[in-house]
Amino acid sequence: MSNDAPAVDYRELLENERAGLRAKLAELGYGEDGGLSYDPNFADSSQVTAERGEAEALAGSLREALAEVERALAKLAEGTYGRCESCGQQIAEARLEAMPTARFCINCASASKR
């Protein structure tokens, strides 16, 4: 990141993303106990089982995204946000704007995919 104030308020962007993810998890019925809640009176058919599987998979993806947002917010608080976790170089602002939870610069991210 540059030595001037960033054009993007990453904290606000990340906090909005966190709120959105939490809202989506709540819509799915993701409870405080870490699991999805279902109506116990609902008939247990193969369709319900399939829908539960899809909801569990979606909730897992949302929880992973939420964990990435929380990690980025923690890095902001520590003052290490925007630094590549692999090489320690600054992550380009364009990359952070496109993916605020980026943990690696484009070079390290590309190298890990090879």
PDB file of N, CA and C in Angstrom:
ATOM      1  N   MET A   1       0.848  -1.176   0.000  1.00  0.00           N
ATOM      2  CA  MET A   1       0.000   0.000   0.000  1.00  0.00           C
ATOM      3  C   MET A   1       0.891   1.236   0.000  1.00  0.00           C
ATOM      4  N   SER A   2       0.406   2.306  -0.547  1.00  0.00           N
ATOM      5  CA  SER A   2       1.210   3.517  -0.649  1.00  0.00           C
ATOM      6  C   SER A   2       1.310   4.197   0.703  1.00  0.00           C
ATOM      7  N   ASN A   3       2.215   5.185   0.791  1.00  0.00           N
ATOM      8  CA  ASN A   3       2.381   5.895   2.047  1.00  0.00           C
ATOM      9  C   ASN A   3       1.296   6.943   2.252  1.00  0.00           C
ATOM     10  N   ASP A   4       0.504   7.246   1.234  1.00  0.00           N
ATOM     11  CA  ASP A   4      -0.658   8.123   1.382  1.00  0.00           C
ATOM     12  C   ASP A   4      -1.840   7.283   1.834  1.00  0.00           C
ATOM     13  N   ALA A   5      -2.899   7.971   2.268  1.00  0.00           N
ATOM     14  CA  ALA A   5      -4.107   7.247   2.668  1.00  0.00           C
ATOM     15  C   ALA A   5      -4.658   6.493   1.456  1.00  0.00           C
ATOM     16  N   PRO A   6      -5.047   5.226   1.659  1.00  0.00           N
ATOM     17  CA  PRO A   6      -5.565   4.454   0.525  1.00  0.00           C
ATOM     18  C   PRO A   6      -6.870   5.039  -0.001  1.00  0.00           C
ATOM     19  N   ALA A   7      -7.086   4.858  -1.301  1.00  0.00           N
ATOM     20  CA  ALA A   7      -8.297   5.356  -1.928  1.00  0.00           C
ATOM     21  C   ALA A   7      -9.506   4.566  -1.448  1.00  0.00           C
ATOM     22  N   VAL A   8      -9.265   3.349  -0.988  1.00  0.00           N
ATOM     23  CA  VAL A   8     -10.336   2.471  -0.543  1.00  0.00           C
ATOM     24  C   VAL A   8     -10.234   2.299   0.971  1.00  0.00           C
ATOM     25  N   ASP A   9     -11.356   2.365   1.652  1.00  0.00           N
ATOM     26  CA  ASP A   9     -11.389   2.103   3.095  1.00  0.00           C
ATOM     27  C   ASP A   9     -11.560   0.593   3.274  1.00  0.00           C
ATOM     28  N   TYR A  10     -10.450  -0.114   3.402  1.00  0.00           N
ATOM     29  CA  TYR A  10     -10.481  -1.571   3.478  1.00  0.00           C
ATOM     30  C   TYR A  10     -11.226  -2.063   4.719  1.00  0.00           C
ATOM     31  N   ARG A  11     -11.088  -1.336   5.821  1.00  0.00           N
ATOM     32  CA  ARG A  11     -11.805  -1.752   7.037  1.00  0.00           C
ATOM     33  C   ARG A  11     -13.312  -1.747   6.790  1.00  0.00           C
ATOM     34  N   GLU A  12     -13.805  -0.668   6.203  1.00  0.00           N
ATOM     35  CA  GLU A  12     -15.238  -0.576   5.914  1.00  0.00           C
ATOM     36  C   GLU A  12     -15.662  -1.665   4.930  1.00  0.00           C
ATOM     37  N   LEU A  13     -14.862  -1.872   3.908  1.00  0.00           N
ATOM     38  CA  LEU A  13     -15.151  -2.901   2.915  1.00  0.00           C
ATOM     39  C   LEU A  13     -15.228  -4.284   3.572  1.00  0.00           C
ATOM     40  N   LEU A  14     -14.260  -4.590   4.424  1.00  0.00           N
ATOM     41  CA  LEU A  14     -14.228  -5.889   5.104  1.00  0.00           C
ATOM     42  C   LEU A  14     -15.359  -6.032   6.119  1.00  0.00           C
ATOM     43  N   GLU A  15     -15.655  -4.952   6.839  1.00  0.00           N
ATOM     44  CA  GLU A  15     -16.749  -5.018   7.814  1.00  0.00           C
ATOM     45  C   GLU A  15     -18.092  -5.219   7.118  1.00  0.00           C
ATOM     46  N   ASN A  16     -18.276  -4.577   5.962  1.00  0.00           N
ATOM     47  CA  ASN A  16     -19.505  -4.781   5.190  1.00  0.00           C
ATOM     48  C   ASN A  16     -19.592  -6.217   4.687  1.00  0.00           C
ATOM     49  N   GLU A  17     -18.458  -6.759   4.242  1.00  0.00           N
ATOM     50  CA  GLU A  17     -18.420  -8.151   3.780  1.00  0.00           C
ATOM     51  C   GLU A  17     -18.744  -9.104   4.932  1.00  0.00           C
ATOM     52  N   ARG A  18     -18.190  -8.822   6.104  1.00  0.00           N
ATOM     53  CA  ARG A  18     -18.462  -9.655   7.284  1.00  0.00           C
ATOM     54  C   ARG A  18     -19.949  -9.621   7.628  1.00  0.00           C
ATOM     55  N   ALA A  19     -20.549  -8.448   7.614  1.00  0.00           N
ATOM     56  CA  ALA A  19     -21.980  -8.323   7.919  1.00  0.00           C
ATOM     57  C   ALA A  19     -22.816  -9.097   6.904  1.00  0.00           C
ATOM     58  N   GLY A  20     -22.444  -8.998   5.632  1.00  0.00           N
ATOM     59  CA  GLY A  20     -23.178  -9.727   4.591  1.00  0.00           C
ATOM     60  C   GLY A  20     -23.074 -11.232   4.759  1.00  0.00           C
ATOM     61  N   LEU A  21     -21.883 -11.721   5.074  1.00  0.00           N
ATOM     62  CA  LEU A  21     -21.694 -13.159   5.277  1.00  0.00           C
ATOM     63  C   LEU A  21     -22.472 -13.651   6.497  1.00  0.00           C
ATOM     64  N   ARG A  22     -22.436 -12.868   7.559  1.00  0.00           N
ATOM     65  CA  ARG A  22     -23.197 -13.248   8.762  1.00  0.00           C
ATOM     66  C   ARG A  22     -24.691 -13.287   8.469  1.00  0.00           C
ATOM     67  N   ALA A  23     -25.176 -12.329   7.676  1.00  0.00           N
ATOM     68  CA  ALA A  23     -26.601 -12.307   7.318  1.00  0.00           C
ATOM     69  C   ALA A  23     -26.972 -13.526   6.488  1.00  0.00           C
ATOM     70  N   LYS A  24     -26.107 -13.911   5.543  1.00  0.00           N
ATOM     71  CA  LYS A  24     -26.376 -15.094   4.723  1.00  0.00           C
ATOM     72  C   LYS A  24     -26.392 -16.361   5.574  1.00  0.00           C
ATOM     73  N   LEU A  25     -25.473 -16.447   6.525  1.00  0.00           N
ATOM     74  CA  LEU A  25     -25.455 -17.607   7.425  1.00  0.00           C
ATOM     75  C   LEU A  25     -26.725 -17.647   8.275  1.00  0.00           C
ATOM     76  N   ALA A  26     -27.158 -16.491   8.729  1.00  0.00           N
ATOM     77  CA  ALA A  26     -28.387 -16.432   9.526  1.00  0.00           C
ATOM     78  C   ALA A  26     -29.597 -16.853   8.696  1.00  0.00           C
ATOM     79  N   GLU A  27     -29.637 -16.450   7.424  1.00  0.00           N
ATOM     80  CA  GLU A  27     -30.731 -16.847   6.527  1.00  0.00           C
ATOM     81  C   GLU A  27     -30.786 -18.358   6.352  1.00  0.00           C
ATOM     82  N   LEU A  28     -29.620 -18.980   6.344  1.00  0.00           N
ATOM     83  CA  LEU A  28     -29.560 -20.439   6.210  1.00  0.00           C
ATOM     84  C   LEU A  28     -29.966 -21.149   7.505  1.00  0.00           C
ATOM     85  N   GLY A  29     -30.015 -20.403   8.587  1.00  0.00           N
ATOM     86  CA  GLY A  29     -30.338 -21.012   9.868  1.00  0.00           C
ATOM     87  C   GLY A  29     -29.098 -21.430  10.634  1.00  0.00           C
ATOM     88  N   TYR A  30     -27.964 -20.825  10.294  1.00  0.00           N
ATOM     89  CA  TYR A  30     -26.718 -21.130  10.977  1.00  0.00           C
ATOM     90  C   TYR A  30     -26.799 -20.600  12.391  1.00  0.00           C
ATOM     91  N   GLY A  31     -26.740 -21.501  13.347  1.00  0.00           N
ATOM     92  CA  GLY A  31     -26.919 -21.122  14.746  1.00  0.00           C
ATOM     93  C   GLY A  31     -25.619 -20.798  15.453  1.00  0.00           C
ATOM     94  N   GLU A  32     -25.752 -20.311  16.659  1.00  0.00           N
ATOM     95  CA  GLU A  32     -24.608 -19.965  17.496  1.00  0.00           C
ATOM     96  C   GLU A  32     -23.790 -21.200  17.875  1.00  0.00           C
ATOM     97  N   ASP A  33     -24.422 -22.382  17.817  1.00  0.00           N
ATOM     98  CA  ASP A  33     -23.732 -23.618  18.193  1.00  0.00           C
ATOM     99  C   ASP A  33     -22.820 -24.131  17.097  1.00  0.00           C
ATOM    100  N   GLY A  34     -22.767 -23.446  15.964  1.00  0.00           N
ATOM    101  CA  GLY A  34     -21.880 -23.842  14.883  1.00  0.00           C
ATOM    102  C   GLY A  34     -22.514 -24.729  13.853  1.00  0.00           C
ATOM    103  N   GLY A  35     -23.806 -25.003  13.974  1.00  0.00           N
ATOM    104  CA  GLY A  35     -24.465 -25.861  12.999  1.00  0.00           C
ATOM    105  C   GLY A  35     -25.725 -25.230  12.458  1.00  0.00           C
ATOM    106  N   LEU A  36     -26.279 -25.880  11.473  1.00  0.00           N
ATOM    107  CA  LEU A  36     -27.534 -25.414  10.893  1.00  0.00           C
ATOM    108  C   LEU A  36     -28.684 -25.986  11.697  1.00  0.00           C
ATOM    109  N   SER A  37     -29.702 -25.177  11.890  1.00  0.00           N
ATOM    110  CA  SER A  37     -30.867 -25.652  12.629  1.00  0.00           C
ATOM    111  C   SER A  37     -31.997 -25.958  11.661  1.00  0.00           C
ATOM    112  N   TYR A  38     -32.718 -27.004  11.959  1.00  0.00           N
ATOM    113  CA  TYR A  38     -33.831 -27.441  11.117  1.00  0.00           C
ATOM    114  C   TYR A  38     -35.061 -27.644  11.979  1.00  0.00           C
ATOM    115  N   ASP A  39     -36.205 -27.536  11.354  1.00  0.00           N
ATOM    116  CA  ASP A  39     -37.473 -27.786  12.026  1.00  0.00           C
ATOM    117  C   ASP A  39     -37.547 -29.277  12.342  1.00  0.00           C
ATOM    118  N   PRO A  40     -37.635 -29.652  13.613  1.00  0.00           N
ATOM    119  CA  PRO A  40     -37.662 -31.069  13.968  1.00  0.00           C
ATOM    120  C   PRO A  40     -38.929 -31.780  13.481  1.00  0.00           C
ATOM    121  N   ASN A  41     -39.971 -31.041  13.162  1.00  0.00           N
ATOM    122  CA  ASN A  41     -41.216 -31.635  12.683  1.00  0.00           C
ATOM    123  C   ASN A  41     -41.225 -31.843  11.173  1.00  0.00           C
ATOM    124  N   PHE A  42     -40.147 -31.408  10.520  1.00  0.00           N
ATOM    125  CA  PHE A  42     -40.076 -31.533   9.071  1.00  0.00           C
ATOM    126  C   PHE A  42     -39.811 -32.990   8.703  1.00  0.00           C
ATOM    127  N   ALA A  43     -40.553 -33.492   7.736  1.00  0.00           N
ATOM    128  CA  ALA A  43     -40.408 -34.890   7.327  1.00  0.00           C
ATOM    129  C   ALA A  43     -38.990 -35.140   6.821  1.00  0.00           C
ATOM    130  N   ASP A  44     -38.416 -36.272   7.187  1.00  0.00           N
ATOM    131  CA  ASP A  44     -37.050 -36.601   6.800  1.00  0.00           C
ATOM    132  C   ASP A  44     -37.076 -37.448   5.534  1.00  0.00           C
ATOM    133  N   SER A  45     -37.154 -36.797   4.408  1.00  0.00           N
ATOM    134  CA  SER A  45     -37.196 -37.493   3.125  1.00  0.00           C
ATOM    135  C   SER A  45     -35.860 -37.318   2.414  1.00  0.00           C
ATOM    136  N   SER A  46     -35.687 -37.985   1.292  1.00  0.00           N
ATOM    137  CA  SER A  46     -34.441 -37.854   0.539  1.00  0.00           C
ATOM    138  C   SER A  46     -34.262 -36.430   0.025  1.00  0.00           C
ATOM    139  N   GLN A  47     -35.360 -35.750  -0.295  1.00  0.00           N
ATOM    140  CA  GLN A  47     -35.259 -34.363  -0.750  1.00  0.00           C
ATOM    141  C   GLN A  47     -34.744 -33.475   0.376  1.00  0.00           C
ATOM    142  N   VAL A  48     -35.265 -33.686   1.565  1.00  0.00           N
ATOM    143  CA  VAL A  48     -34.817 -32.891   2.711  1.00  0.00           C
ATOM    144  C   VAL A  48     -33.338 -33.168   2.978  1.00  0.00           C
ATOM    145  N   THR A  49     -32.943 -34.426   2.884  1.00  0.00           N
ATOM    146  CA  THR A  49     -31.548 -34.798   3.098  1.00  0.00           C
ATOM    147  C   THR A  49     -30.647 -34.111   2.077  1.00  0.00           C
ATOM    148  N   ALA A  50     -31.068 -34.102   0.821  1.00  0.00           N
ATOM    149  CA  ALA A  50     -30.289 -33.441  -0.234  1.00  0.00           C
ATOM    150  C   ALA A  50     -30.202 -31.943   0.019  1.00  0.00           C
ATOM    151  N   GLU A  51     -31.314 -31.343   0.410  1.00  0.00           N
ATOM    152  CA  GLU A  51     -31.314 -29.904   0.687  1.00  0.00           C
ATOM    153  C   GLU A  51     -30.432 -29.578   1.882  1.00  0.00           C
ATOM    154  N   ARG A  52     -30.435 -30.441   2.885  1.00  0.00           N
ATOM    155  CA  ARG A  52     -29.561 -30.231   4.040  1.00  0.00           C
ATOM    156  C   ARG A  52     -28.103 -30.288   3.608  1.00  0.00           C
ATOM    157  N   GLY A  53     -27.776 -31.249   2.745  1.00  0.00           N
ATOM    158  CA  GLY A  53     -26.408 -31.364   2.259  1.00  0.00           C
ATOM    159  C   GLY A  53     -25.964 -30.117   1.521  1.00  0.00           C
ATOM    160  N   GLU A  54     -26.854 -29.586   0.679  1.00  0.00           N
ATOM    161  CA  GLU A  54     -26.538 -28.357  -0.054  1.00  0.00           C
ATOM    162  C   GLU A  54     -26.377 -27.182   0.907  1.00  0.00           C
ATOM    163  N   ALA A  55     -27.258 -27.097   1.895  1.00  0.00           N
ATOM    164  CA  ALA A  55     -27.180 -26.003   2.867  1.00  0.00           C
ATOM    165  C   ALA A  55     -25.898 -26.108   3.692  1.00  0.00           C
ATOM    166  N   GLU A  56     -25.528 -27.318   4.079  1.00  0.00           N
ATOM    167  CA  GLU A  56     -24.293 -27.526   4.842  1.00  0.00           C
ATOM    168  C   GLU A  56     -23.073 -27.112   4.016  1.00  0.00           C
ATOM    169  N   ALA A  57     -23.064 -27.478   2.727  1.00  0.00           N
ATOM    170  CA  ALA A  57     -21.943 -27.117   1.853  1.00  0.00           C
ATOM    171  C   ALA A  57     -21.853 -25.599   1.697  1.00  0.00           C
ATOM    172  N   LEU A  58     -22.985 -24.950   1.486  1.00  0.00           N
ATOM    173  CA  LEU A  58     -23.003 -23.503   1.346  1.00  0.00           C
ATOM    174  C   LEU A  58     -22.558 -22.834   2.648  1.00  0.00           C
ATOM    175  N   ALA A  59     -23.056 -23.330   3.769  1.00  0.00           N
ATOM    176  CA  ALA A  59     -22.664 -22.761   5.059  1.00  0.00           C
ATOM    177  C   ALA A  59     -21.166 -22.918   5.280  1.00  0.00           C
ATOM    178  N   GLY A  60     -20.600 -24.047   4.866  1.00  0.00           N
ATOM    179  CA  GLY A  60     -19.161 -24.251   4.995  1.00  0.00           C
ATOM    180  C   GLY A  60     -18.376 -23.223   4.193  1.00  0.00           C
ATOM    181  N   SER A  61     -18.814 -22.966   2.972  1.00  0.00           N
ATOM    182  CA  SER A  61     -18.155 -21.969   2.134  1.00  0.00           C
ATOM    183  C   SER A  61     -18.274 -20.570   2.743  1.00  0.00           C
ATOM    184  N   LEU A  62     -19.446 -20.268   3.263  1.00  0.00           N
ATOM    185  CA  LEU A  62     -19.656 -18.961   3.887  1.00  0.00           C
ATOM    186  C   LEU A  62     -18.804 -18.812   5.143  1.00  0.00           C
ATOM    187  N   ARG A  63     -18.686 -19.878   5.942  1.00  0.00           N
ATOM    188  CA  ARG A  63     -17.848 -19.836   7.152  1.00  0.00           C
ATOM    189  C   ARG A  63     -16.380 -19.641   6.783  1.00  0.00           C
ATOM    190  N   GLU A  64     -15.923 -20.295   5.711  1.00  0.00           N
ATOM    191  CA  GLU A  64     -14.536 -20.115   5.264  1.00  0.00           C
ATOM    192  C   GLU A  64     -14.298 -18.674   4.829  1.00  0.00           C
ATOM    193  N   ALA A  65     -15.236 -18.113   4.071  1.00  0.00           N
ATOM    194  CA  ALA A  65     -15.103 -16.722   3.627  1.00  0.00           C
ATOM    195  C   ALA A  65     -15.109 -15.776   4.823  1.00  0.00           C
ATOM    196  N   LEU A  66     -15.953 -16.060   5.810  1.00  0.00           N
ATOM    197  CA  LEU A  66     -16.013 -15.243   7.016  1.00  0.00           C
ATOM    198  C   LEU A  66     -14.691 -15.312   7.778  1.00  0.00           C
ATOM    199  N   ALA A  67     -14.096 -16.487   7.857  1.00  0.00           N
ATOM    200  CA  ALA A  67     -12.804 -16.635   8.532  1.00  0.00           C
ATOM    201  C   ALA A  67     -11.723 -15.813   7.824  1.00  0.00           C
ATOM    202  N   GLU A  68     -11.754 -15.775   6.495  1.00  0.00           N
ATOM    203  CA  GLU A  68     -10.789 -14.971   5.733  1.00  0.00           C
ATOM    204  C   GLU A  68     -10.985 -13.481   6.019  1.00  0.00           C
ATOM    205  N   VAL A  69     -12.239 -13.054   6.095  1.00  0.00           N
ATOM    206  CA  VAL A  69     -12.529 -11.645   6.405  1.00  0.00           C
ATOM    207  C   VAL A  69     -12.047 -11.318   7.815  1.00  0.00           C
ATOM    208  N   GLU A  70     -12.316 -12.209   8.763  1.00  0.00           N
ATOM    209  CA  GLU A  70     -11.873 -11.987  10.152  1.00  0.00           C
ATOM    210  C   GLU A  70     -10.353 -11.907  10.215  1.00  0.00           C
ATOM    211  N   ARG A  71      -9.666 -12.758   9.452  1.00  0.00           N
ATOM    212  CA  ARG A  71      -8.199 -12.744   9.423  1.00  0.00           C
ATOM    213  C   ARG A  71      -7.706 -11.406   8.877  1.00  0.00           C
ATOM    214  N   ALA A  72      -8.331 -10.921   7.811  1.00  0.00           N
ATOM    215  CA  ALA A  72      -7.924  -9.641   7.220  1.00  0.00           C
ATOM    216  C   ALA A  72      -8.164  -8.488   8.200  1.00  0.00           C
ATOM    217  N   LEU A  73      -9.286  -8.519   8.907  1.00  0.00           N
ATOM    218  CA  LEU A  73      -9.561  -7.474   9.899  1.00  0.00           C
ATOM    219  C   LEU A  73      -8.545  -7.516  11.038  1.00  0.00           C
ATOM    220  N   ALA A  74      -8.144  -8.712  11.446  1.00  0.00           N
ATOM    221  CA  ALA A  74      -7.120  -8.838  12.492  1.00  0.00           C
ATOM    222  C   ALA A  74      -5.792  -8.266  12.008  1.00  0.00           C
ATOM    223  N   LYS A  75      -5.466  -8.507  10.737  1.00  0.00           N
ATOM    224  CA  LYS A  75      -4.229  -7.970  10.177  1.00  0.00           C
ATOM    225  C   LYS A  75      -4.283  -6.445  10.109  1.00  0.00           C
ATOM    226  N   LEU A  76      -5.462  -5.887   9.827  1.00  0.00           N
ATOM    227  CA  LEU A  76      -5.613  -4.429   9.844  1.00  0.00           C
ATOM    228  C   LEU A  76      -5.317  -3.894  11.238  1.00  0.00           C
ATOM    229  N   ALA A  77      -5.862  -4.562  12.247  1.00  0.00           N
ATOM    230  CA  ALA A  77      -5.660  -4.134  13.633  1.00  0.00           C
ATOM    231  C   ALA A  77      -4.188  -4.246  14.045  1.00  0.00           C
ATOM    232  N   GLU A  78      -3.495  -5.265  13.526  1.00  0.00           N
ATOM    233  CA  GLU A  78      -2.078  -5.473  13.834  1.00  0.00           C
ATOM    234  C   GLU A  78      -1.154  -4.554  13.047  1.00  0.00           C
ATOM    235  N   GLY A  79      -1.685  -3.988  11.964  1.00  0.00           N
ATOM    236  CA  GLY A  79      -0.862  -3.145  11.102  1.00  0.00           C
ATOM    237  C   GLY A  79      -0.103  -3.932  10.043  1.00  0.00           C
ATOM    238  N   THR A  80      -0.496  -5.185   9.815  1.00  0.00           N
ATOM    239  CA  THR A  80       0.187  -6.015   8.818  1.00  0.00           C
ATOM    240  C   THR A  80      -0.655  -6.249   7.573  1.00  0.00           C
ATOM    241  N   TYR A  81      -1.807  -5.615   7.492  1.00  0.00           N
ATOM    242  CA  TYR A  81      -2.679  -5.791   6.326  1.00  0.00           C
ATOM    243  C   TYR A  81      -1.981  -5.269   5.079  1.00  0.00           C
ATOM    244  N   GLY A  82      -2.118  -6.018   3.996  1.00  0.00           N
ATOM    245  CA  GLY A  82      -1.552  -5.596   2.726  1.00  0.00           C
ATOM    246  C   GLY A  82      -0.150  -6.114   2.470  1.00  0.00           C
ATOM    247  N   ARG A  83       0.377  -6.920   3.381  1.00  0.00           N
ATOM    248  CA  ARG A  83       1.696  -7.536   3.208  1.00  0.00           C
ATOM    249  C   ARG A  83       1.511  -9.003   2.851  1.00  0.00           C
ATOM    250  N   CYS A  84       2.275  -9.463   1.875  1.00  0.00           N
ATOM    251  CA  CYS A  84       2.231 -10.860   1.445  1.00  0.00           C
ATOM    252  C   CYS A  84       2.716 -11.751   2.583  1.00  0.00           C
ATOM    253  N   GLU A  85       1.976 -12.794   2.884  1.00  0.00           N
ATOM    254  CA  GLU A  85       2.349 -13.725   3.948  1.00  0.00           C
ATOM    255  C   GLU A  85       3.516 -14.614   3.543  1.00  0.00           C
ATOM    256  N   SER A  86       3.851 -14.630   2.268  1.00  0.00           N
ATOM    257  CA  SER A  86       4.948 -15.474   1.802  1.00  0.00           C
ATOM    258  C   SER A  86       6.260 -14.695   1.702  1.00  0.00           C
ATOM    259  N   CYS A  87       6.258 -13.604   0.942  1.00  0.00           N
ATOM    260  CA  CYS A  87       7.506 -12.871   0.693  1.00  0.00           C
ATOM    261  C   CYS A  87       7.628 -11.587   1.518  1.00  0.00           C
ATOM    262  N   GLY A  88       6.537 -11.128   2.119  1.00  0.00           N
ATOM    263  CA  GLY A  88       6.572  -9.924   2.938  1.00  0.00           C
ATOM    264  C   GLY A  88       6.446  -8.617   2.176  1.00  0.00           C
ATOM    265  N   GLN A  89       6.358  -8.691   0.860  1.00  0.00           N
ATOM    266  CA  GLN A  89       6.216  -7.480   0.047  1.00  0.00           C
ATOM    267  C   GLN A  89       4.790  -6.952   0.132  1.00  0.00           C
ATOM    268  N   GLN A  90       4.634  -5.689  -0.238  1.00  0.00           N
ATOM    269  CA  GLN A  90       3.305  -5.087  -0.281  1.00  0.00           C
ATOM    270  C   GLN A  90       2.471  -5.765  -1.368  1.00  0.00           C
ATOM    271  N   ILE A  91       1.216  -5.997  -1.082  1.00  0.00           N
ATOM    272  CA  ILE A  91       0.277  -6.507  -2.079  1.00  0.00           C
ATOM    273  C   ILE A  91      -0.266  -5.296  -2.826  1.00  0.00           C
ATOM    274  N   ALA A  92      -0.312  -5.387  -4.140  1.00  0.00           N
ATOM    275  CA  ALA A  92      -0.771  -4.265  -4.960  1.00  0.00           C
ATOM    276  C   ALA A  92      -2.183  -3.844  -4.564  1.00  0.00           C
ATOM    277  N   GLU A  93      -2.408  -2.542  -4.532  1.00  0.00           N
ATOM    278  CA  GLU A  93      -3.726  -2.027  -4.154  1.00  0.00           C
ATOM    279  C   GLU A  93      -4.816  -2.544  -5.076  1.00  0.00           C
ATOM    280  N   ALA A  94      -4.504  -2.679  -6.358  1.00  0.00           N
ATOM    281  CA  ALA A  94      -5.507  -3.192  -7.302  1.00  0.00           C
ATOM    282  C   ALA A  94      -5.943  -4.603  -6.888  1.00  0.00           C
ATOM    283  N   ARG A  95      -5.002  -5.414  -6.430  1.00  0.00           N
ATOM    284  CA  ARG A  95      -5.341  -6.773  -5.976  1.00  0.00           C
ATOM    285  C   ARG A  95      -6.192  -6.714  -4.713  1.00  0.00           C
ATOM    286  N   LEU A  96      -5.831  -5.845  -3.783  1.00  0.00           N
ATOM    287  CA  LEU A  96      -6.598  -5.719  -2.539  1.00  0.00           C
ATOM    288  C   LEU A  96      -8.003  -5.170  -2.804  1.00  0.00           C
ATOM    289  N   GLU A  97      -8.115  -4.272  -3.764  1.00  0.00           N
ATOM    290  CA  GLU A  97      -9.440  -3.749  -4.099  1.00  0.00           C
ATOM    291  C   GLU A  97     -10.313  -4.848  -4.683  1.00  0.00           C
ATOM    292  N   ALA A  98      -9.713  -5.694  -5.518  1.00  0.00           N
ATOM    293  CA  ALA A  98     -10.465  -6.792  -6.138  1.00  0.00           C
ATOM    294  C   ALA A  98     -10.727  -7.910  -5.145  1.00  0.00           C
ATOM    295  N   MET A  99      -9.789  -8.139  -4.239  1.00  0.00           N
ATOM    296  CA  MET A  99      -9.898  -9.239  -3.284  1.00  0.00           C
ATOM    297  C   MET A  99      -9.337  -8.763  -1.937  1.00  0.00           C
ATOM    298  N   PRO A 100     -10.153  -8.072  -1.139  1.00  0.00           N
ATOM    299  CA  PRO A 100      -9.660  -7.478   0.108  1.00  0.00           C
ATOM    300  C   PRO A 100      -9.090  -8.487   1.107  1.00  0.00           C
ATOM    301  N   THR A 101      -9.417  -9.762   0.952  1.00  0.00           N
ATOM    302  CA  THR A 101      -8.896 -10.770   1.868  1.00  0.00           C
ATOM    303  C   THR A 101      -7.621 -11.426   1.356  1.00  0.00           C
ATOM    304  N   ALA A 102      -7.034 -10.880   0.279  1.00  0.00           N
ATOM    305  CA  ALA A 102      -5.819 -11.462  -0.302  1.00  0.00           C
ATOM    306  C   ALA A 102      -4.728 -11.568   0.754  1.00  0.00           C
ATOM    307  N   ARG A 103      -4.121 -12.747   0.820  1.00  0.00           N
ATOM    308  CA  ARG A 103      -3.045 -12.992   1.780  1.00  0.00           C
ATOM    309  C   ARG A 103      -1.675 -12.988   1.110  1.00  0.00           C
ATOM    310  N   PHE A 104      -1.670 -13.110  -0.222  1.00  0.00           N
ATOM    311  CA  PHE A 104      -0.427 -13.222  -0.957  1.00  0.00           C
ATOM    312  C   PHE A 104      -0.407 -12.235  -2.124  1.00  0.00           C
ATOM    313  N   CYS A 105       0.774 -11.755  -2.460  1.00  0.00           N
ATOM    314  CA  CYS A 105       0.914 -10.916  -3.648  1.00  0.00           C
ATOM    315  C   CYS A 105       0.640 -11.790  -4.876  1.00  0.00           C
ATOM    316  N   ILE A 106       0.457 -11.166  -6.002  1.00  0.00           N
ATOM    317  CA  ILE A 106       0.098 -11.911  -7.214  1.00  0.00           C
ATOM    318  C   ILE A 106       1.200 -12.895  -7.600  1.00  0.00           C
ATOM    319  N   ASN A 107       2.464 -12.526  -7.407  1.00  0.00           N
ATOM    320  CA  ASN A 107       3.569 -13.424  -7.757  1.00  0.00           C
ATOM    321  C   ASN A 107       3.555 -14.688  -6.898  1.00  0.00           C
ATOM    322  N   CYS A 108       3.400 -14.526  -5.584  1.00  0.00           N
ATOM    323  CA  CYS A 108       3.382 -15.697  -4.691  1.00  0.00           C
ATOM    324  C   CYS A 108       2.120 -16.522  -4.891  1.00  0.00           C
ATOM    325  N   ALA A 109       1.000 -15.869  -5.136  1.00  0.00           N
ATOM    326  CA  ALA A 109      -0.252 -16.593  -5.374  1.00  0.00           C
ATOM    327  C   ALA A 109      -0.142 -17.409  -6.657  1.00  0.00           C
ATOM    328  N   SER A 110       0.462 -16.824  -7.679  1.00  0.00           N
ATOM    329  CA  SER A 110       0.639 -17.533  -8.957  1.00  0.00           C
ATOM    330  C   SER A 110       1.602 -18.696  -8.804  1.00  0.00           C
ATOM    331  N   ALA A 111       2.674 -18.498  -8.048  1.00  0.00           N
ATOM    332  CA  ALA A 111       3.676 -19.548  -7.852  1.00  0.00           C
ATOM    333  C   ALA A 111       3.096 -20.735  -7.095  1.00  0.00           C
ATOM    334  N   SER A 112       2.179 -20.483  -6.176  1.00  0.00           N
ATOM    335  CA  SER A 112       1.617 -21.595  -5.388  1.00  0.00           C
ATOM    336  C   SER A 112       0.629 -22.431  -6.197  1.00  0.00           C
ATOM    337  N   LYS A 113       0.151 -21.904  -7.317  1.00  0.00           N
ATOM    338  CA  LYS A 113      -0.804 -22.630  -8.162  1.00  0.00           C
ATOM    339  C   LYS A 113      -0.113 -23.522  -9.179  1.00  0.00           C
ATOM    340  N   ARG A 114       1.182 -23.393  -9.290  1.00  0.00           N
ATOM    341  CA  ARG A 114       1.924 -24.191 -10.283  1.00  0.00           C
ATOM    342  C   ARG A 114       2.143 -25.586  -9.803  1.00  0.00           C
TER     343      ARG A 114
END
